[in-house]
Amino acid sequence: MKTDLERFQGLWRQVRFEENGIADPIDTHGAHDAVMTIVGETFHVAIPDGEALIEGKFMIDSATSPKRIDWIDSIGSDAGKQLPSIYTLSDDAFEFAAADADMERPQDFTGGSGITIRGFVRA
């Protein structure tokens, strides 16, 4: 059986975005149909024409409930900040809820102020 880190590897297309409780606002770190590439513990997000939007590294803890993932962007306004997050993962989809760097980790996917939720399917 594959680990969550092994299952994360590959290309993922963004299909859901919510920020501060608002569905599909203007997205500066992603876009409809943006593709996230995960290799090892690094990620790179680009729009379909190839323009890079964000990249960095992540760490997961699949032994917790809910499962935890922490994103650390290497470029952009959140560069160097650890964004505490939770995730769900299947073979063909994953979703995460990330708090702003100065907030507590989300405990569910209800969203709200300071919370970003993104959903992906295998590309």
PDB file of N, CA and C in Angstrom:
ATOM      1  N   MET A   1       0.842  -1.185   0.000  1.00  0.00           N
ATOM      2  CA  MET A   1       0.000   0.000   0.000  1.00  0.00           C
ATOM      3  C   MET A   1       0.888   1.249   0.000  1.00  0.00           C
ATOM      4  N   LYS A   2       0.547   2.195  -0.860  1.00  0.00           N
ATOM      5  CA  LYS A   2       1.344   3.409  -0.980  1.00  0.00           C
ATOM      6  C   LYS A   2       1.113   4.340   0.209  1.00  0.00           C
ATOM      7  N   THR A   3       2.157   5.074   0.562  1.00  0.00           N
ATOM      8  CA  THR A   3       2.028   6.115   1.579  1.00  0.00           C
ATOM      9  C   THR A   3       1.342   7.328   0.964  1.00  0.00           C
ATOM     10  N   ASP A   4       0.879   8.233   1.810  1.00  0.00           N
ATOM     11  CA  ASP A   4       0.277   9.458   1.289  1.00  0.00           C
ATOM     12  C   ASP A   4       1.287  10.248   0.468  1.00  0.00           C
ATOM     13  N   LEU A   5       2.545  10.312   0.914  1.00  0.00           N
ATOM     14  CA  LEU A   5       3.542  11.048   0.149  1.00  0.00           C
ATOM     15  C   LEU A   5       3.686  10.451  -1.254  1.00  0.00           C
ATOM     16  N   GLU A   6       3.681   9.139  -1.369  1.00  0.00           N
ATOM     17  CA  GLU A   6       3.769   8.490  -2.695  1.00  0.00           C
ATOM     18  C   GLU A   6       2.527   8.813  -3.523  1.00  0.00           C
ATOM     19  N   ARG A   7       1.367   8.840  -2.903  1.00  0.00           N
ATOM     20  CA  ARG A   7       0.123   9.107  -3.625  1.00  0.00           C
ATOM     21  C   ARG A   7       0.012  10.566  -4.073  1.00  0.00           C
ATOM     22  N   PHE A   8       0.689  11.483  -3.389  1.00  0.00           N
ATOM     23  CA  PHE A   8       0.678  12.893  -3.778  1.00  0.00           C
ATOM     24  C   PHE A   8       1.455  13.160  -5.070  1.00  0.00           C
ATOM     25  N   GLN A   9       2.397  12.313  -5.416  1.00  0.00           N
ATOM     26  CA  GLN A   9       3.296  12.571  -6.545  1.00  0.00           C
ATOM     27  C   GLN A   9       2.537  12.691  -7.865  1.00  0.00           C
ATOM     28  N   GLY A  10       2.972  13.632  -8.696  1.00  0.00           N
ATOM     29  CA  GLY A  10       2.400  13.761 -10.033  1.00  0.00           C
ATOM     30  C   GLY A  10       1.742  15.101 -10.281  1.00  0.00           C
ATOM     31  N   LEU A  11       0.854  15.107 -11.266  1.00  0.00           N
ATOM     32  CA  LEU A  11       0.179  16.329 -11.720  1.00  0.00           C
ATOM     33  C   LEU A  11      -1.254  16.357 -11.210  1.00  0.00           C
ATOM     34  N   TRP A  12      -1.651  17.537 -10.702  1.00  0.00           N
ATOM     35  CA  TRP A  12      -2.985  17.740 -10.166  1.00  0.00           C
ATOM     36  C   TRP A  12      -3.578  19.011 -10.758  1.00  0.00           C
ATOM     37  N   ARG A  13      -4.830  18.960 -11.203  1.00  0.00           N
ATOM     38  CA  ARG A  13      -5.528  20.120 -11.771  1.00  0.00           C
ATOM     39  C   ARG A  13      -6.473  20.698 -10.723  1.00  0.00           C
ATOM     40  N   GLN A  14      -6.389  22.002 -10.498  1.00  0.00           N
ATOM     41  CA  GLN A  14      -7.249  22.652  -9.506  1.00  0.00           C
ATOM     42  C   GLN A  14      -8.678  22.726 -10.013  1.00  0.00           C
ATOM     43  N   VAL A  15      -9.627  22.296  -9.163  1.00  0.00           N
ATOM     44  CA  VAL A  15     -11.041  22.333  -9.517  1.00  0.00           C
ATOM     45  C   VAL A  15     -11.890  23.073  -8.496  1.00  0.00           C
ATOM     46  N   ARG A  16     -11.296  23.442  -7.363  1.00  0.00           N
ATOM     47  CA  ARG A  16     -12.043  24.171  -6.329  1.00  0.00           C
ATOM     48  C   ARG A  16     -11.129  25.206  -5.680  1.00  0.00           C
ATOM     49  N   PHE A  17     -11.688  26.384  -5.397  1.00  0.00           N
ATOM     50  CA  PHE A  17     -10.956  27.416  -4.689  1.00  0.00           C
ATOM     51  C   PHE A  17     -11.928  28.235  -3.862  1.00  0.00           C
ATOM     52  N   GLU A  18     -11.609  28.382  -2.587  1.00  0.00           N
ATOM     53  CA  GLU A  18     -12.391  29.217  -1.685  1.00  0.00           C
ATOM     54  C   GLU A  18     -11.409  29.953  -0.788  1.00  0.00           C
ATOM     55  N   GLU A  19     -11.643  31.248  -0.577  1.00  0.00           N
ATOM     56  CA  GLU A  19     -10.760  32.040   0.275  1.00  0.00           C
ATOM     57  C   GLU A  19     -11.597  32.960   1.147  1.00  0.00           C
ATOM     58  N   ASN A  20     -11.325  32.937   2.447  1.00  0.00           N
ATOM     59  CA  ASN A  20     -12.069  33.765   3.395  1.00  0.00           C
ATOM     60  C   ASN A  20     -13.575  33.551   3.299  1.00  0.00           C
ATOM     61  N   GLY A  21     -13.980  32.322   3.018  1.00  0.00           N
ATOM     62  CA  GLY A  21     -15.398  31.989   2.937  1.00  0.00           C
ATOM     63  C   GLY A  21     -16.065  32.330   1.625  1.00  0.00           C
ATOM     64  N   ILE A  22     -15.302  32.824   0.645  1.00  0.00           N
ATOM     65  CA  ILE A  22     -15.858  33.213  -0.656  1.00  0.00           C
ATOM     66  C   ILE A  22     -15.390  32.217  -1.716  1.00  0.00           C
ATOM     67  N   ALA A  23     -16.333  31.614  -2.426  1.00  0.00           N
ATOM     68  CA  ALA A  23     -16.004  30.652  -3.479  1.00  0.00           C
ATOM     69  C   ALA A  23     -15.556  31.372  -4.745  1.00  0.00           C
ATOM     70  N   ASP A  24     -14.466  30.919  -5.308  1.00  0.00           N
ATOM     71  CA  ASP A  24     -13.929  31.398  -6.579  1.00  0.00           C
ATOM     72  C   ASP A  24     -13.666  32.903  -6.665  1.00  0.00           C
ATOM     73  N   PRO A  25     -12.998  33.501  -5.652  1.00  0.00           N
ATOM     74  CA  PRO A  25     -12.588  34.899  -5.792  1.00  0.00           C
ATOM     75  C   PRO A  25     -11.399  34.983  -6.755  1.00  0.00           C
ATOM     76  N   ILE A  26     -10.909  36.182  -7.028  1.00  0.00           N
ATOM     77  CA  ILE A  26      -9.688  36.318  -7.830  1.00  0.00           C
ATOM     78  C   ILE A  26      -8.581  35.576  -7.111  1.00  0.00           C
ATOM     79  N   ASP A  27      -7.827  34.775  -7.845  1.00  0.00           N
ATOM     80  CA  ASP A  27      -6.839  33.862  -7.264  1.00  0.00           C
ATOM     81  C   ASP A  27      -5.440  34.255  -7.721  1.00  0.00           C
ATOM     82  N   THR A  28      -4.617  34.751  -6.823  1.00  0.00           N
ATOM     83  CA  THR A  28      -3.268  35.182  -7.193  1.00  0.00           C
ATOM     84  C   THR A  28      -2.247  34.058  -7.132  1.00  0.00           C
ATOM     85  N   HIS A  29      -2.584  32.917  -6.502  1.00  0.00           N
ATOM     86  CA  HIS A  29      -1.640  31.801  -6.392  1.00  0.00           C
ATOM     87  C   HIS A  29      -2.080  30.580  -7.192  1.00  0.00           C
ATOM     88  N   GLY A  30      -3.159  30.683  -7.898  1.00  0.00           N
ATOM     89  CA  GLY A  30      -3.689  29.581  -8.682  1.00  0.00           C
ATOM     90  C   GLY A  30      -4.600  30.141  -9.754  1.00  0.00           C
ATOM     91  N   ALA A  31      -5.336  29.286 -10.393  1.00  0.00           N
ATOM     92  CA  ALA A  31      -6.284  29.704 -11.413  1.00  0.00           C
ATOM     93  C   ALA A  31      -7.121  28.492 -11.768  1.00  0.00           C
ATOM     94  N   HIS A  32      -8.289  28.739 -12.359  1.00  0.00           N
ATOM     95  CA  HIS A  32      -9.095  27.612 -12.825  1.00  0.00           C
ATOM     96  C   HIS A  32      -8.242  26.790 -13.788  1.00  0.00           C
ATOM     97  N   ASP A  33      -8.170  25.531 -13.569  1.00  0.00           N
ATOM     98  CA  ASP A  33      -7.374  24.602 -14.372  1.00  0.00           C
ATOM     99  C   ASP A  33      -5.865  24.767 -14.182  1.00  0.00           C
ATOM    100  N   ALA A  34      -5.433  25.499 -13.154  1.00  0.00           N
ATOM    101  CA  ALA A  34      -3.998  25.537 -12.845  1.00  0.00           C
ATOM    102  C   ALA A  34      -3.544  24.119 -12.518  1.00  0.00           C
ATOM    103  N   VAL A  35      -2.304  23.822 -12.819  1.00  0.00           N
ATOM    104  CA  VAL A  35      -1.772  22.480 -12.572  1.00  0.00           C
ATOM    105  C   VAL A  35      -0.672  22.558 -11.519  1.00  0.00           C
ATOM    106  N   MET A  36      -0.835  21.739 -10.481  1.00  0.00           N
ATOM    107  CA  MET A  36       0.180  21.606  -9.451  1.00  0.00           C
ATOM    108  C   MET A  36       0.975  20.342  -9.754  1.00  0.00           C
ATOM    109  N   THR A  37       2.285  20.489  -9.804  1.00  0.00           N
ATOM    110  CA  THR A  37       3.178  19.348  -9.981  1.00  0.00           C
ATOM    111  C   THR A  37       3.854  19.082  -8.657  1.00  0.00           C
ATOM    112  N   ILE A  38       3.746  17.844  -8.180  1.00  0.00           N
ATOM    113  CA  ILE A  38       4.385  17.458  -6.922  1.00  0.00           C
ATOM    114  C   ILE A  38       5.461  16.432  -7.221  1.00  0.00           C
ATOM    115  N   VAL A  39       6.677  16.750  -6.786  1.00  0.00           N
ATOM    116  CA  VAL A  39       7.827  15.851  -6.920  1.00  0.00           C
ATOM    117  C   VAL A  39       8.505  15.803  -5.558  1.00  0.00           C
ATOM    118  N   GLY A  40       8.545  14.615  -4.962  1.00  0.00           N
ATOM    119  CA  GLY A  40       9.103  14.506  -3.621  1.00  0.00           C
ATOM    120  C   GLY A  40       8.264  15.337  -2.673  1.00  0.00           C
ATOM    121  N   GLU A  41       8.906  16.251  -1.958  1.00  0.00           N
ATOM    122  CA  GLU A  41       8.196  17.141  -1.043  1.00  0.00           C
ATOM    123  C   GLU A  41       8.214  18.585  -1.547  1.00  0.00           C
ATOM    124  N   THR A  42       8.216  18.750  -2.879  1.00  0.00           N
ATOM    125  CA  THR A  42       8.169  20.075  -3.482  1.00  0.00           C
ATOM    126  C   THR A  42       6.935  20.180  -4.375  1.00  0.00           C
ATOM    127  N   PHE A  43       6.468  21.427  -4.540  1.00  0.00           N
ATOM    128  CA  PHE A  43       5.327  21.659  -5.420  1.00  0.00           C
ATOM    129  C   PHE A  43       5.610  22.860  -6.309  1.00  0.00           C
ATOM    130  N   HIS A  44       4.955  22.864  -7.458  1.00  0.00           N
ATOM    131  CA  HIS A  44       5.062  23.950  -8.444  1.00  0.00           C
ATOM    132  C   HIS A  44       3.682  24.092  -9.067  1.00  0.00           C
ATOM    133  N   VAL A  45       3.133  25.312  -9.059  1.00  0.00           N
ATOM    134  CA  VAL A  45       1.812  25.557  -9.640  1.00  0.00           C
ATOM    135  C   VAL A  45       1.973  26.484 -10.838  1.00  0.00           C
ATOM    136  N   ALA A  46       1.388  26.080 -11.969  1.00  0.00           N
ATOM    137  CA  ALA A  46       1.456  26.876 -13.200  1.00  0.00           C
ATOM    138  C   ALA A  46       0.085  26.884 -13.863  1.00  0.00           C
ATOM    139  N   ILE A  47      -0.182  27.948 -14.616  1.00  0.00           N
ATOM    140  CA  ILE A  47      -1.404  27.992 -15.409  1.00  0.00           C
ATOM    141  C   ILE A  47      -1.155  27.212 -16.696  1.00  0.00           C
ATOM    142  N   PRO A  48      -2.225  26.880 -17.431  1.00  0.00           N
ATOM    143  CA  PRO A  48      -2.058  26.025 -18.607  1.00  0.00           C
ATOM    144  C   PRO A  48      -1.016  26.489 -19.623  1.00  0.00           C
ATOM    145  N   ASP A  49      -0.774  27.805 -19.740  1.00  0.00           N
ATOM    146  CA  ASP A  49       0.247  28.247 -20.706  1.00  0.00           C
ATOM    147  C   ASP A  49       1.669  28.073 -20.170  1.00  0.00           C
ATOM    148  N   GLY A  50       1.789  27.594 -18.934  1.00  0.00           N
ATOM    149  CA  GLY A  50       3.101  27.302 -18.368  1.00  0.00           C
ATOM    150  C   GLY A  50       3.636  28.339 -17.407  1.00  0.00           C
ATOM    151  N   GLU A  51       2.968  29.496 -17.277  1.00  0.00           N
ATOM    152  CA  GLU A  51       3.450  30.541 -16.378  1.00  0.00           C
ATOM    153  C   GLU A  51       3.381  30.063 -14.930  1.00  0.00           C
ATOM    154  N   ALA A  52       4.511  30.132 -14.222  1.00  0.00           N
ATOM    155  CA  ALA A  52       4.572  29.715 -12.825  1.00  0.00           C
ATOM    156  C   ALA A  52       3.844  30.715 -11.940  1.00  0.00           C
ATOM    157  N   LEU A  53       3.041  30.206 -11.005  1.00  0.00           N
ATOM    158  CA  LEU A  53       2.310  31.053 -10.073  1.00  0.00           C
ATOM    159  C   LEU A  53       2.884  30.986  -8.665  1.00  0.00           C
ATOM    160  N   ILE A  54       3.264  29.799  -8.242  1.00  0.00           N
ATOM    161  CA  ILE A  54       3.787  29.604  -6.884  1.00  0.00           C
ATOM    162  C   ILE A  54       4.542  28.277  -6.846  1.00  0.00           C
ATOM    163  N   GLU A  55       5.490  28.192  -5.949  1.00  0.00           N
ATOM    164  CA  GLU A  55       6.221  26.941  -5.743  1.00  0.00           C
ATOM    165  C   GLU A  55       6.790  26.942  -4.341  1.00  0.00           C
ATOM    166  N   GLY A  56       7.229  25.781  -3.902  1.00  0.00           N
ATOM    167  CA  GLY A  56       7.784  25.671  -2.567  1.00  0.00           C
ATOM    168  C   GLY A  56       7.893  24.224  -2.149  1.00  0.00           C
ATOM    169  N   LYS A  57       7.786  23.999  -0.827  1.00  0.00           N
ATOM    170  CA  LYS A  57       7.880  22.645  -0.293  1.00  0.00           C
ATOM    171  C   LYS A  57       6.741  22.421   0.686  1.00  0.00           C
ATOM    172  N   PHE A  58       6.545  21.172   1.054  1.00  0.00           N
ATOM    173  CA  PHE A  58       5.493  20.836   2.001  1.00  0.00           C
ATOM    174  C   PHE A  58       5.946  19.680   2.874  1.00  0.00           C
ATOM    175  N   MET A  59       5.275  19.542   4.000  1.00  0.00           N
ATOM    176  CA  MET A  59       5.513  18.433   4.927  1.00  0.00           C
ATOM    177  C   MET A  59       4.151  17.878   5.317  1.00  0.00           C
ATOM    178  N   ILE A  60       4.028  16.558   5.351  1.00  0.00           N
ATOM    179  CA  ILE A  60       2.751  15.954   5.744  1.00  0.00           C
ATOM    180  C   ILE A  60       2.920  15.125   7.017  1.00  0.00           C
ATOM    181  N   ASP A  61       1.808  14.986   7.714  1.00  0.00           N
ATOM    182  CA  ASP A  61       1.705  14.077   8.853  1.00  0.00           C
ATOM    183  C   ASP A  61       0.378  13.364   8.694  1.00  0.00           C
ATOM    184  N   SER A  62       0.436  12.159   8.123  1.00  0.00           N
ATOM    185  CA  SER A  62      -0.784  11.405   7.825  1.00  0.00           C
ATOM    186  C   SER A  62      -1.283  10.616   9.032  1.00  0.00           C
ATOM    187  N   ALA A  63      -0.548  10.644  10.148  1.00  0.00           N
ATOM    188  CA  ALA A  63      -0.941   9.900  11.342  1.00  0.00           C
ATOM    189  C   ALA A  63      -1.923  10.677  12.216  1.00  0.00           C
ATOM    190  N   THR A  64      -2.139  11.951  11.920  1.00  0.00           N
ATOM    191  CA  THR A  64      -3.039  12.770  12.723  1.00  0.00           C
ATOM    192  C   THR A  64      -4.456  12.717  12.165  1.00  0.00           C
ATOM    193  N   SER A  65      -5.399  13.177  12.959  1.00  0.00           N
ATOM    194  CA  SER A  65      -6.778  13.282  12.490  1.00  0.00           C
ATOM    195  C   SER A  65      -7.308  14.643  12.907  1.00  0.00           C
ATOM    196  N   PRO A  66      -7.588  15.530  11.947  1.00  0.00           N
ATOM    197  CA  PRO A  66      -7.414  15.338  10.505  1.00  0.00           C
ATOM    198  C   PRO A  66      -5.931  15.300  10.117  1.00  0.00           C
ATOM    199  N   LYS A  67      -5.674  14.754   8.916  1.00  0.00           N
ATOM    200  CA  LYS A  67      -4.302  14.685   8.412  1.00  0.00           C
ATOM    201  C   LYS A  67      -3.760  16.096   8.205  1.00  0.00           C
ATOM    202  N   ARG A  68      -2.473  16.279   8.496  1.00  0.00           N
ATOM    203  CA  ARG A  68      -1.857  17.602   8.421  1.00  0.00           C
ATOM    204  C   ARG A  68      -0.904  17.729   7.238  1.00  0.00           C
ATOM    205  N   ILE A  69      -0.902  18.926   6.680  1.00  0.00           N
ATOM    206  CA  ILE A  69       0.074  19.290   5.656  1.00  0.00           C
ATOM    207  C   ILE A  69       0.458  20.746   5.909  1.00  0.00           C
ATOM    208  N   ASP A  70       1.729  21.041   5.823  1.00  0.00           N
ATOM    209  CA  ASP A  70       2.213  22.406   5.995  1.00  0.00           C
ATOM    210  C   ASP A  70       2.899  22.823   4.706  1.00  0.00           C
ATOM    211  N   TRP A  71       2.448  23.930   4.140  1.00  0.00           N
ATOM    212  CA  TRP A  71       2.985  24.475   2.901  1.00  0.00           C
ATOM    213  C   TRP A  71       3.960  25.604   3.237  1.00  0.00           C
ATOM    214  N   ILE A  72       5.102  25.642   2.571  1.00  0.00           N
ATOM    215  CA  ILE A  72       6.055  26.734   2.720  1.00  0.00           C
ATOM    216  C   ILE A  72       6.414  27.213   1.319  1.00  0.00           C
ATOM    217  N   ASP A  73       5.857  28.354   0.933  1.00  0.00           N
ATOM    218  CA  ASP A  73       6.115  28.910  -0.398  1.00  0.00           C
ATOM    219  C   ASP A  73       7.549  29.432  -0.460  1.00  0.00           C
ATOM    220  N   SER A  74       8.152  29.303  -1.622  1.00  0.00           N
ATOM    221  CA  SER A  74       9.508  29.840  -1.800  1.00  0.00           C
ATOM    222  C   SER A  74       9.505  31.152  -2.588  1.00  0.00           C
ATOM    223  N   ILE A  75       8.344  31.504  -3.159  1.00  0.00           N
ATOM    224  CA  ILE A  75       8.201  32.773  -3.873  1.00  0.00           C
ATOM    225  C   ILE A  75       6.864  33.395  -3.485  1.00  0.00           C
ATOM    226  N   GLY A  76       6.702  34.663  -3.744  1.00  0.00           N
ATOM    227  CA  GLY A  76       5.432  35.331  -3.503  1.00  0.00           C
ATOM    228  C   GLY A  76       5.315  35.928  -2.115  1.00  0.00           C
ATOM    229  N   SER A  77       4.128  36.429  -1.813  1.00  0.00           N
ATOM    230  CA  SER A  77       3.898  37.174  -0.577  1.00  0.00           C
ATOM    231  C   SER A  77       4.017  36.317   0.682  1.00  0.00           C
ATOM    232  N   ASP A  78       3.851  35.006   0.563  1.00  0.00           N
ATOM    233  CA  ASP A  78       3.965  34.121   1.720  1.00  0.00           C
ATOM    234  C   ASP A  78       5.308  33.384   1.764  1.00  0.00           C
ATOM    235  N   ALA A  79       6.267  33.807   0.980  1.00  0.00           N
ATOM    236  CA  ALA A  79       7.569  33.124   0.926  1.00  0.00           C
ATOM    237  C   ALA A  79       8.165  32.984   2.322  1.00  0.00           C
ATOM    238  N   GLY A  80       8.549  31.761   2.651  1.00  0.00           N
ATOM    239  CA  GLY A  80       9.190  31.470   3.923  1.00  0.00           C
ATOM    240  C   GLY A  80       8.241  31.253   5.087  1.00  0.00           C
ATOM    241  N   LYS A  81       6.958  31.536   4.912  1.00  0.00           N
ATOM    242  CA  LYS A  81       5.983  31.342   5.980  1.00  0.00           C
ATOM    243  C   LYS A  81       5.422  29.932   5.927  1.00  0.00           C
ATOM    244  N   GLN A  82       5.230  29.332   7.087  1.00  0.00           N
ATOM    245  CA  GLN A  82       4.628  28.004   7.160  1.00  0.00           C
ATOM    246  C   GLN A  82       3.121  28.165   7.307  1.00  0.00           C
ATOM    247  N   LEU A  83       2.369  27.602   6.361  1.00  0.00           N
ATOM    248  CA  LEU A  83       0.914  27.714   6.356  1.00  0.00           C
ATOM    249  C   LEU A  83       0.321  26.407   6.890  1.00  0.00           C
ATOM    250  N   PRO A  84      -0.186  26.405   8.128  1.00  0.00           N
ATOM    251  CA  PRO A  84      -0.717  25.183   8.729  1.00  0.00           C
ATOM    252  C   PRO A  84      -2.011  24.767   8.046  1.00  0.00           C
ATOM    253  N   SER A  85      -2.076  23.489   7.651  1.00  0.00           N
ATOM    254  CA  SER A  85      -3.190  23.023   6.831  1.00  0.00           C
ATOM    255  C   SER A  85      -3.592  21.605   7.208  1.00  0.00           C
ATOM    256  N   ILE A  86      -4.762  21.217   6.712  1.00  0.00           N
ATOM    257  CA  ILE A  86      -5.221  19.835   6.799  1.00  0.00           C
ATOM    258  C   ILE A  86      -5.536  19.370   5.385  1.00  0.00           C
ATOM    259  N   TYR A  87      -5.609  18.042   5.188  1.00  0.00           N
ATOM    260  CA  TYR A  87      -5.896  17.540   3.847  1.00  0.00           C
ATOM    261  C   TYR A  87      -6.679  16.236   3.886  1.00  0.00           C
ATOM    262  N   THR A  88      -7.327  15.963   2.751  1.00  0.00           N
ATOM    263  CA  THR A  88      -7.908  14.659   2.455  1.00  0.00           C
ATOM    264  C   THR A  88      -7.301  14.226   1.130  1.00  0.00           C
ATOM    265  N   LEU A  89      -7.131  12.925   0.941  1.00  0.00           N
ATOM    266  CA  LEU A  89      -6.454  12.414  -0.257  1.00  0.00           C
ATOM    267  C   LEU A  89      -7.035  11.077  -0.662  1.00  0.00           C
ATOM    268  N   SER A  90      -7.343  10.957  -1.948  1.00  0.00           N
ATOM    269  CA  SER A  90      -7.691   9.668  -2.540  1.00  0.00           C
ATOM    270  C   SER A  90      -6.744   9.465  -3.723  1.00  0.00           C
ATOM    271  N   ASP A  91      -6.896   8.389  -4.448  1.00  0.00           N
ATOM    272  CA  ASP A  91      -6.008   8.152  -5.588  1.00  0.00           C
ATOM    273  C   ASP A  91      -6.182   9.215  -6.674  1.00  0.00           C
ATOM    274  N   ASP A  92      -7.388   9.767  -6.805  1.00  0.00           N
ATOM    275  CA  ASP A  92      -7.684  10.674  -7.912  1.00  0.00           C
ATOM    276  C   ASP A  92      -8.000  12.104  -7.517  1.00  0.00           C
ATOM    277  N   ALA A  93      -7.998  12.413  -6.212  1.00  0.00           N
ATOM    278  CA  ALA A  93      -8.355  13.759  -5.779  1.00  0.00           C
ATOM    279  C   ALA A  93      -7.732  14.074  -4.424  1.00  0.00           C
ATOM    280  N   PHE A  94      -7.494  15.360  -4.191  1.00  0.00           N
ATOM    281  CA  PHE A  94      -7.137  15.794  -2.852  1.00  0.00           C
ATOM    282  C   PHE A  94      -7.643  17.206  -2.625  1.00  0.00           C
ATOM    283  N   GLU A  95      -7.794  17.529  -1.368  1.00  0.00           N
ATOM    284  CA  GLU A  95      -8.286  18.836  -0.968  1.00  0.00           C
ATOM    285  C   GLU A  95      -7.514  19.252   0.270  1.00  0.00           C
ATOM    286  N   PHE A  96      -7.248  20.551   0.387  1.00  0.00           N
ATOM    287  CA  PHE A  96      -6.637  21.027   1.622  1.00  0.00           C
ATOM    288  C   PHE A  96      -7.293  22.320   2.068  1.00  0.00           C
ATOM    289  N   ALA A  97      -7.245  22.546   3.372  1.00  0.00           N
ATOM    290  CA  ALA A  97      -7.686  23.794   3.986  1.00  0.00           C
ATOM    291  C   ALA A  97      -6.482  24.369   4.703  1.00  0.00           C
ATOM    292  N   ALA A  98      -6.053  25.553   4.294  1.00  0.00           N
ATOM    293  CA  ALA A  98      -4.852  26.189   4.839  1.00  0.00           C
ATOM    294  C   ALA A  98      -5.222  27.463   5.589  1.00  0.00           C
ATOM    295  N   ALA A  99      -4.627  27.623   6.758  1.00  0.00           N
ATOM    296  CA  ALA A  99      -4.800  28.852   7.524  1.00  0.00           C
ATOM    297  C   ALA A  99      -3.685  29.824   7.156  1.00  0.00           C
ATOM    298  N   ASP A 100      -3.935  31.109   7.377  1.00  0.00           N
ATOM    299  CA  ASP A 100      -2.871  32.086   7.247  1.00  0.00           C
ATOM    300  C   ASP A 100      -1.764  31.722   8.242  1.00  0.00           C
ATOM    301  N   ALA A 101      -0.552  32.191   7.982  1.00  0.00           N
ATOM    302  CA  ALA A 101       0.621  31.798   8.770  1.00  0.00           C
ATOM    303  C   ALA A 101       0.492  32.122  10.254  1.00  0.00           C
ATOM    304  N   ASP A 102      -0.247  33.149  10.611  1.00  0.00           N
ATOM    305  CA  ASP A 102      -0.344  33.550  12.012  1.00  0.00           C
ATOM    306  C   ASP A 102      -1.567  32.961  12.719  1.00  0.00           C
ATOM    307  N   MET A 103      -2.211  31.959  12.102  1.00  0.00           N
ATOM    308  CA  MET A 103      -3.431  31.376  12.654  1.00  0.00           C
ATOM    309  C   MET A 103      -3.212  29.931  13.090  1.00  0.00           C
ATOM    310  N   GLU A 104      -4.161  29.427  13.856  1.00  0.00           N
ATOM    311  CA  GLU A 104      -4.178  28.018  14.236  1.00  0.00           C
ATOM    312  C   GLU A 104      -4.559  27.171  13.020  1.00  0.00           C
ATOM    313  N   ARG A 105      -4.118  25.926  13.028  1.00  0.00           N
ATOM    314  CA  ARG A 105      -4.451  24.977  11.960  1.00  0.00           C
ATOM    315  C   ARG A 105      -5.967  24.736  11.921  1.00  0.00           C
ATOM    316  N   PRO A 106      -6.567  24.725  10.728  1.00  0.00           N
ATOM    317  CA  PRO A 106      -8.001  24.399  10.637  1.00  0.00           C
ATOM    318  C   PRO A 106      -8.257  22.988  11.177  1.00  0.00           C
ATOM    319  N   GLN A 107      -9.454  22.765  11.680  1.00  0.00           N
ATOM    320  CA  GLN A 107      -9.841  21.441  12.173  1.00  0.00           C
ATOM    321  C   GLN A 107     -10.847  20.760  11.250  1.00  0.00           C
ATOM    322  N   ASP A 108     -11.345  21.528  10.253  1.00  0.00           N
ATOM    323  CA  ASP A 108     -12.308  20.977   9.304  1.00  0.00           C
ATOM    324  C   ASP A 108     -12.263  21.802   8.018  1.00  0.00           C
ATOM    325  N   PHE A 109     -13.175  21.530   7.124  1.00  0.00           N
ATOM    326  CA  PHE A 109     -13.195  22.182   5.814  1.00  0.00           C
ATOM    327  C   PHE A 109     -14.346  23.195   5.687  1.00  0.00           C
ATOM    328  N   THR A 110     -14.730  23.821   6.795  1.00  0.00           N
ATOM    329  CA  THR A 110     -15.822  24.789   6.736  1.00  0.00           C
ATOM    330  C   THR A 110     -15.381  26.140   6.189  1.00  0.00           C
ATOM    331  N   GLY A 111     -14.074  26.413   6.176  1.00  0.00           N
ATOM    332  CA  GLY A 111     -13.586  27.675   5.626  1.00  0.00           C
ATOM    333  C   GLY A 111     -13.815  28.824   6.581  1.00  0.00           C
ATOM    334  N   GLY A 112     -13.802  30.042   6.034  1.00  0.00           N
ATOM    335  CA  GLY A 112     -14.003  31.240   6.834  1.00  0.00           C
ATOM    336  C   GLY A 112     -12.827  32.183   6.728  1.00  0.00           C
ATOM    337  N   SER A 113     -12.828  33.194   7.568  1.00  0.00           N
ATOM    338  CA  SER A 113     -11.803  34.229   7.533  1.00  0.00           C
ATOM    339  C   SER A 113     -10.405  33.649   7.756  1.00  0.00           C
ATOM    340  N   GLY A 114      -9.478  33.976   6.848  1.00  0.00           N
ATOM    341  CA  GLY A 114      -8.101  33.514   6.955  1.00  0.00           C
ATOM    342  C   GLY A 114      -7.854  32.093   6.490  1.00  0.00           C
ATOM    343  N   ILE A 115      -8.876  31.439   5.953  1.00  0.00           N
ATOM    344  CA  ILE A 115      -8.753  30.041   5.504  1.00  0.00           C
ATOM    345  C   ILE A 115      -8.882  29.981   3.981  1.00  0.00           C
ATOM    346  N   THR A 116      -7.970  29.236   3.360  1.00  0.00           N
ATOM    347  CA  THR A 116      -8.021  28.975   1.922  1.00  0.00           C
ATOM    348  C   THR A 116      -8.255  27.486   1.721  1.00  0.00           C
ATOM    349  N   ILE A 117      -9.218  27.146   0.876  1.00  0.00           N
ATOM    350  CA  ILE A 117      -9.501  25.752   0.550  1.00  0.00           C
ATOM    351  C   ILE A 117      -9.281  25.568  -0.941  1.00  0.00           C
ATOM    352  N   ARG A 118      -8.510  24.549  -1.280  1.00  0.00           N
ATOM    353  CA  ARG A 118      -8.296  24.201  -2.685  1.00  0.00           C
ATOM    354  C   ARG A 118      -8.565  22.720  -2.886  1.00  0.00           C
ATOM    355  N   GLY A 119      -9.170  22.402  -4.039  1.00  0.00           N
ATOM    356  CA  GLY A 119      -9.443  21.020  -4.397  1.00  0.00           C
ATOM    357  C   GLY A 119      -8.797  20.712  -5.738  1.00  0.00           C
ATOM    358  N   PHE A 120      -8.286  19.489  -5.877  1.00  0.00           N
ATOM    359  CA  PHE A 120      -7.569  19.063  -7.085  1.00  0.00           C
ATOM    360  C   PHE A 120      -8.019  17.663  -7.513  1.00  0.00           C
ATOM    361  N   VAL A 121      -7.911  17.401  -8.807  1.00  0.00           N
ATOM    362  CA  VAL A 121      -8.084  16.056  -9.360  1.00  0.00           C
ATOM    363  C   VAL A 121      -6.820  15.744 -10.167  1.00  0.00           C
ATOM    364  N   ARG A 122      -6.564  14.455 -10.342  1.00  0.00           N
ATOM    365  CA  ARG A 122      -5.404  14.048 -11.148  1.00  0.00           C
ATOM    366  C   ARG A 122      -5.496  14.634 -12.541  1.00  0.00           C
ATOM    367  N   ALA A 123      -4.399  15.185 -12.996  1.00  0.00           N
ATOM    368  CA  ALA A 123      -4.361  15.778 -14.340  1.00  0.00           C
ATOM    369  C   ALA A 123      -3.982  14.713 -15.354  1.00  0.00           C
TER     370      ALA A 123
END
